[in-house]
C-alpha cells in the first residue's frame, strides 16, 4: 500500500538487478508508488523517485500562461463565409 507523501519510514534494503541494459531496483511493497511512471532525479549520491502526477486544469492554465503571447500573424485569417441560398427541396 502506498505511503502518505509526508510520512517517514525506516530505510529498508532493496535488491538491485539488471533488466537488459538498465539497472533496476525491486521496490518493497510498503514503498509501492501509484501509477505507471515515475520521475527520478539525483541529489548528491541519493536517487529520488516520485510518482508522476496528472496535472489538473489549474496547473495546465498556469503552464499556458508562461507561453509567449501570440503574434499578429498567429491570428485566424478572415474567412468569407456567405450563407447558403435557401431552396425548396420538397
N, C-alpha and C. Protein backbone atom coordinates (compact mmCIF):
# COMPACT_ATOMS: atom_id res chain seq x y z
N UNK A 1 0.84 -1.18 0.00
CA UNK A 1 0.00 0.00 0.00
C UNK A 1 0.88 1.24 0.00
N UNK A 2 0.62 2.25 -0.83
CA UNK A 2 1.45 3.45 -0.90
C UNK A 2 1.44 4.20 0.42
N UNK A 3 2.58 4.78 0.75
CA UNK A 3 2.72 5.57 1.97
C UNK A 3 2.23 6.98 1.72
N UNK A 4 1.79 7.66 2.78
CA UNK A 4 1.45 9.08 2.72
C UNK A 4 2.71 9.83 2.31
N UNK A 5 2.60 10.82 1.43
CA UNK A 5 3.77 11.51 0.91
C UNK A 5 4.53 12.27 2.01
N UNK A 6 3.90 12.49 3.17
CA UNK A 6 4.57 13.22 4.24
C UNK A 6 5.04 12.29 5.36
N UNK A 7 4.79 11.00 5.25
CA UNK A 7 5.20 10.08 6.30
C UNK A 7 6.67 9.72 6.14
N UNK A 8 7.27 9.30 7.23
CA UNK A 8 8.67 8.88 7.23
C UNK A 8 8.71 7.41 7.59
N UNK A 9 9.51 6.66 6.87
CA UNK A 9 9.65 5.23 7.15
C UNK A 9 11.10 4.92 7.45
N UNK A 10 11.30 3.79 8.07
CA UNK A 10 12.65 3.32 8.33
C UNK A 10 13.22 2.78 7.03
N UNK A 11 14.47 3.13 6.72
CA UNK A 11 15.07 2.60 5.47
C UNK A 11 15.07 1.07 5.47
N UNK A 12 14.91 0.50 4.30
CA UNK A 12 14.91 -0.94 4.14
C UNK A 12 15.79 -1.28 2.95
N UNK A 13 16.58 -2.32 3.07
CA UNK A 13 17.45 -2.73 1.97
C UNK A 13 16.61 -3.30 0.83
N UNK A 14 17.00 -2.96 -0.41
CA UNK A 14 16.29 -3.45 -1.59
C UNK A 14 17.31 -4.06 -2.55
N UNK A 15 16.84 -4.91 -3.41
CA UNK A 15 17.69 -5.65 -4.34
C UNK A 15 17.84 -4.89 -5.65
N UNK A 16 19.07 -4.76 -6.14
CA UNK A 16 19.35 -4.21 -7.46
C UNK A 16 19.54 -5.37 -8.43
N UNK A 17 19.11 -5.17 -9.68
CA UNK A 17 19.31 -6.19 -10.70
C UNK A 17 19.37 -5.52 -12.07
N UNK A 18 19.72 -6.27 -13.08
CA UNK A 18 19.81 -5.77 -14.45
C UNK A 18 18.57 -6.19 -15.22
N UNK A 19 18.04 -5.26 -16.01
CA UNK A 19 16.94 -5.54 -16.92
C UNK A 19 17.43 -5.04 -18.28
N UNK A 20 17.91 -5.96 -19.10
CA UNK A 20 18.60 -5.62 -20.35
C UNK A 20 19.80 -4.73 -20.01
N UNK A 21 19.84 -3.49 -20.54
CA UNK A 21 20.99 -2.62 -20.27
C UNK A 21 20.73 -1.63 -19.15
N UNK A 22 19.57 -1.73 -18.48
CA UNK A 22 19.23 -0.81 -17.41
C UNK A 22 19.38 -1.47 -16.05
N UNK A 23 19.76 -0.67 -15.07
CA UNK A 23 19.77 -1.16 -13.70
C UNK A 23 18.39 -0.92 -13.12
N UNK A 24 17.86 -1.87 -12.38
CA UNK A 24 16.54 -1.75 -11.79
C UNK A 24 16.62 -2.05 -10.30
N UNK A 25 15.61 -1.63 -9.58
CA UNK A 25 15.54 -1.90 -8.14
C UNK A 25 14.19 -2.52 -7.84
N UNK A 26 14.20 -3.54 -7.01
CA UNK A 26 12.96 -4.17 -6.57
C UNK A 26 12.44 -3.38 -5.39
N UNK A 27 11.29 -2.71 -5.57
CA UNK A 27 10.74 -1.85 -4.52
C UNK A 27 9.85 -2.69 -3.61
N UNK A 28 10.16 -2.72 -2.30
CA UNK A 28 9.31 -3.47 -1.36
C UNK A 28 7.88 -2.90 -1.36
N UNK A 29 6.91 -3.76 -1.05
CA UNK A 29 5.50 -3.40 -1.13
C UNK A 29 5.16 -2.18 -0.28
N UNK A 30 5.81 -2.00 0.86
CA UNK A 30 5.48 -0.86 1.71
C UNK A 30 5.94 0.48 1.12
N UNK A 31 6.76 0.43 0.06
CA UNK A 31 7.22 1.64 -0.63
C UNK A 31 6.57 1.79 -2.01
N UNK A 32 5.58 0.97 -2.30
CA UNK A 32 4.93 0.96 -3.61
C UNK A 32 4.41 2.35 -3.97
N UNK A 33 4.58 2.72 -5.24
CA UNK A 33 4.13 4.02 -5.75
C UNK A 33 2.92 3.84 -6.65
N UNK A 34 2.03 4.83 -6.70
CA UNK A 34 0.87 4.73 -7.58
C UNK A 34 1.25 5.03 -9.03
N UNK A 35 0.43 4.57 -9.96
CA UNK A 35 0.62 4.91 -11.37
C UNK A 35 1.53 3.97 -12.11
N UNK A 36 1.85 4.38 -13.33
CA UNK A 36 2.66 3.57 -14.25
C UNK A 36 4.04 4.16 -14.49
N UNK A 37 4.25 5.44 -14.13
CA UNK A 37 5.52 6.11 -14.39
C UNK A 37 6.00 6.85 -13.16
N UNK A 38 7.31 7.07 -13.09
CA UNK A 38 7.91 7.85 -12.00
C UNK A 38 8.89 8.86 -12.58
N UNK A 39 9.19 9.87 -11.79
CA UNK A 39 10.27 10.80 -12.11
C UNK A 39 11.44 10.41 -11.23
N UNK A 40 12.63 10.42 -11.77
CA UNK A 40 13.81 10.08 -11.00
C UNK A 40 14.81 11.21 -11.13
N UNK A 41 15.40 11.60 -10.00
CA UNK A 41 16.41 12.66 -10.01
C UNK A 41 17.50 12.30 -9.02
N UNK A 42 18.61 13.00 -9.14
CA UNK A 42 19.75 12.74 -8.26
C UNK A 42 19.97 13.95 -7.37
N UNK A 43 20.15 13.70 -6.07
CA UNK A 43 20.53 14.72 -5.10
C UNK A 43 21.81 14.22 -4.43
N UNK A 44 22.95 14.66 -4.93
CA UNK A 44 24.22 14.14 -4.42
C UNK A 44 24.34 12.68 -4.79
N UNK A 45 24.54 11.80 -3.77
CA UNK A 45 24.62 10.37 -4.06
C UNK A 45 23.29 9.66 -3.83
N UNK A 46 22.22 10.42 -3.63
CA UNK A 46 20.88 9.85 -3.44
C UNK A 46 20.08 9.92 -4.74
N UNK A 47 19.25 8.91 -4.97
CA UNK A 47 18.29 8.95 -6.06
C UNK A 47 16.92 9.20 -5.45
N UNK A 48 16.18 10.12 -6.04
CA UNK A 48 14.83 10.43 -5.57
C UNK A 48 13.87 9.93 -6.63
N UNK A 49 12.93 9.08 -6.21
CA UNK A 49 11.93 8.53 -7.13
C UNK A 49 10.57 8.99 -6.64
N UNK A 50 9.81 9.63 -7.53
CA UNK A 50 8.48 10.12 -7.15
C UNK A 50 7.49 9.83 -8.26
N UNK A 51 6.23 9.61 -7.89
CA UNK A 51 5.23 9.30 -8.92
C UNK A 51 4.96 10.50 -9.81
N UNK A 52 4.63 10.22 -11.07
CA UNK A 52 4.21 11.27 -12.00
C UNK A 52 2.74 11.51 -11.71
N UNK A 53 2.43 12.72 -11.36
CA UNK A 53 1.04 13.07 -11.05
C UNK A 53 0.43 13.79 -12.25
N UNK A 54 -0.82 13.50 -12.52
CA UNK A 54 -1.52 14.19 -13.61
C UNK A 54 -1.74 15.63 -13.20
N UNK A 55 -1.45 16.54 -14.11
CA UNK A 55 -1.66 17.95 -13.83
C UNK A 55 -3.14 18.28 -13.96
N UNK A 56 -3.66 19.03 -13.02
CA UNK A 56 -5.05 19.46 -13.08
C UNK A 56 -5.20 20.65 -14.00
N UNK A 57 -6.41 21.11 -14.15
CA UNK A 57 -6.70 22.23 -15.04
C UNK A 57 -5.97 23.49 -14.60
N UNK A 58 -5.90 23.74 -13.31
CA UNK A 58 -5.21 24.93 -12.81
C UNK A 58 -3.73 24.91 -13.20
N UNK A 59 -3.08 23.75 -13.05
CA UNK A 59 -1.67 23.63 -13.42
C UNK A 59 -1.49 23.81 -14.92
N UNK A 60 -2.41 23.28 -15.71
CA UNK A 60 -2.32 23.42 -17.16
C UNK A 60 -2.46 24.89 -17.57
N UNK A 61 -3.42 25.59 -16.99
CA UNK A 61 -3.60 27.01 -17.31
C UNK A 61 -2.39 27.83 -16.88
N UNK A 62 -1.81 27.49 -15.72
CA UNK A 62 -0.61 28.19 -15.26
C UNK A 62 0.56 27.97 -16.23
N UNK A 63 0.67 26.76 -16.76
CA UNK A 63 1.72 26.46 -17.73
C UNK A 63 1.50 27.26 -19.01
N UNK A 64 0.26 27.33 -19.47
CA UNK A 64 -0.04 28.09 -20.69
C UNK A 64 0.25 29.57 -20.49
N UNK A 65 0.04 30.07 -19.28
CA UNK A 65 0.28 31.49 -19.00
C UNK A 65 1.76 31.85 -19.17
N UNK A 66 2.64 30.87 -19.07
CA UNK A 66 4.09 31.11 -19.22
C UNK A 66 4.51 31.19 -20.69
N UNK A 67 3.64 30.76 -21.58
CA UNK A 67 3.97 30.78 -23.02
C UNK A 67 4.01 32.22 -23.52
N UNK A 68 4.80 32.45 -24.57
CA UNK A 68 4.87 33.80 -25.14
C UNK A 68 3.54 34.15 -25.77
N UNK A 69 3.19 35.43 -25.76
CA UNK A 69 1.92 35.84 -26.39
C UNK A 69 1.94 35.55 -27.89
N UNK A 70 0.76 35.38 -28.46
CA UNK A 70 0.66 35.14 -29.89
C UNK A 70 1.02 36.40 -30.65
N UNK A 71 1.64 36.24 -31.81
CA UNK A 71 1.95 37.35 -32.70
C UNK A 71 0.75 37.60 -33.60
N UNK A 72 0.67 38.80 -34.21
CA UNK A 72 -0.46 39.08 -35.10
C UNK A 72 -0.61 38.06 -36.23
N UNK A 73 0.50 37.51 -36.72
CA UNK A 73 0.38 36.52 -37.80
C UNK A 73 -0.20 35.19 -37.31
N UNK A 74 -0.32 35.03 -35.99
CA UNK A 74 -0.91 33.81 -35.44
C UNK A 74 -2.44 33.88 -35.39
N UNK A 75 -3.02 35.07 -35.65
CA UNK A 75 -4.47 35.21 -35.63
C UNK A 75 -5.09 34.41 -36.76
N UNK A 76 -6.34 34.02 -36.57
CA UNK A 76 -7.05 33.32 -37.63
C UNK A 76 -7.31 34.29 -38.78
N UNK A 77 -7.19 33.83 -40.00
CA UNK A 77 -7.46 34.72 -41.14
C UNK A 77 -8.97 34.97 -41.27
N UNK A 78 -9.30 36.07 -41.91
CA UNK A 78 -10.71 36.35 -42.20
C UNK A 78 -11.22 35.31 -43.19
N UNK A 79 -12.41 34.82 -42.96
CA UNK A 79 -13.00 33.82 -43.85
C UNK A 79 -14.30 34.39 -44.39
N UNK A 80 -14.42 34.42 -45.71
CA UNK A 80 -15.64 34.88 -46.35
C UNK A 80 -16.62 33.72 -46.33
N UNK A 81 -17.50 33.71 -45.35
CA UNK A 81 -18.43 32.60 -45.15
C UNK A 81 -19.84 33.09 -45.42
N UNK A 82 -20.19 33.13 -46.71
CA UNK A 82 -21.53 33.61 -47.07
C UNK A 82 -22.56 32.52 -46.82
N UNK A 83 -23.75 32.93 -46.36
CA UNK A 83 -24.79 31.93 -46.10
C UNK A 83 -25.22 31.23 -47.38
N UNK A 84 -25.64 30.01 -47.25
CA UNK A 84 -26.12 29.23 -48.39
C UNK A 84 -27.50 29.76 -48.77
N UNK A 85 -27.75 29.82 -50.08
CA UNK A 85 -29.07 30.25 -50.55
C UNK A 85 -30.10 29.20 -50.17
N UNK A 86 -31.23 29.65 -49.70
CA UNK A 86 -32.28 28.69 -49.38
C UNK A 86 -32.92 28.21 -50.68
N UNK A 87 -33.36 26.99 -50.68
CA UNK A 87 -34.02 26.43 -51.86
C UNK A 87 -35.09 25.45 -51.41
N UNK A 88 -36.07 25.30 -52.23
CA UNK A 88 -37.17 24.38 -51.94
C UNK A 88 -36.72 22.99 -52.35
N UNK A 89 -36.72 22.03 -51.44
CA UNK A 89 -36.30 20.67 -51.80
C UNK A 89 -37.46 19.68 -51.81
N UNK A 90 -38.61 20.08 -51.27
CA UNK A 90 -39.78 19.19 -51.30
C UNK A 90 -40.92 19.84 -52.02
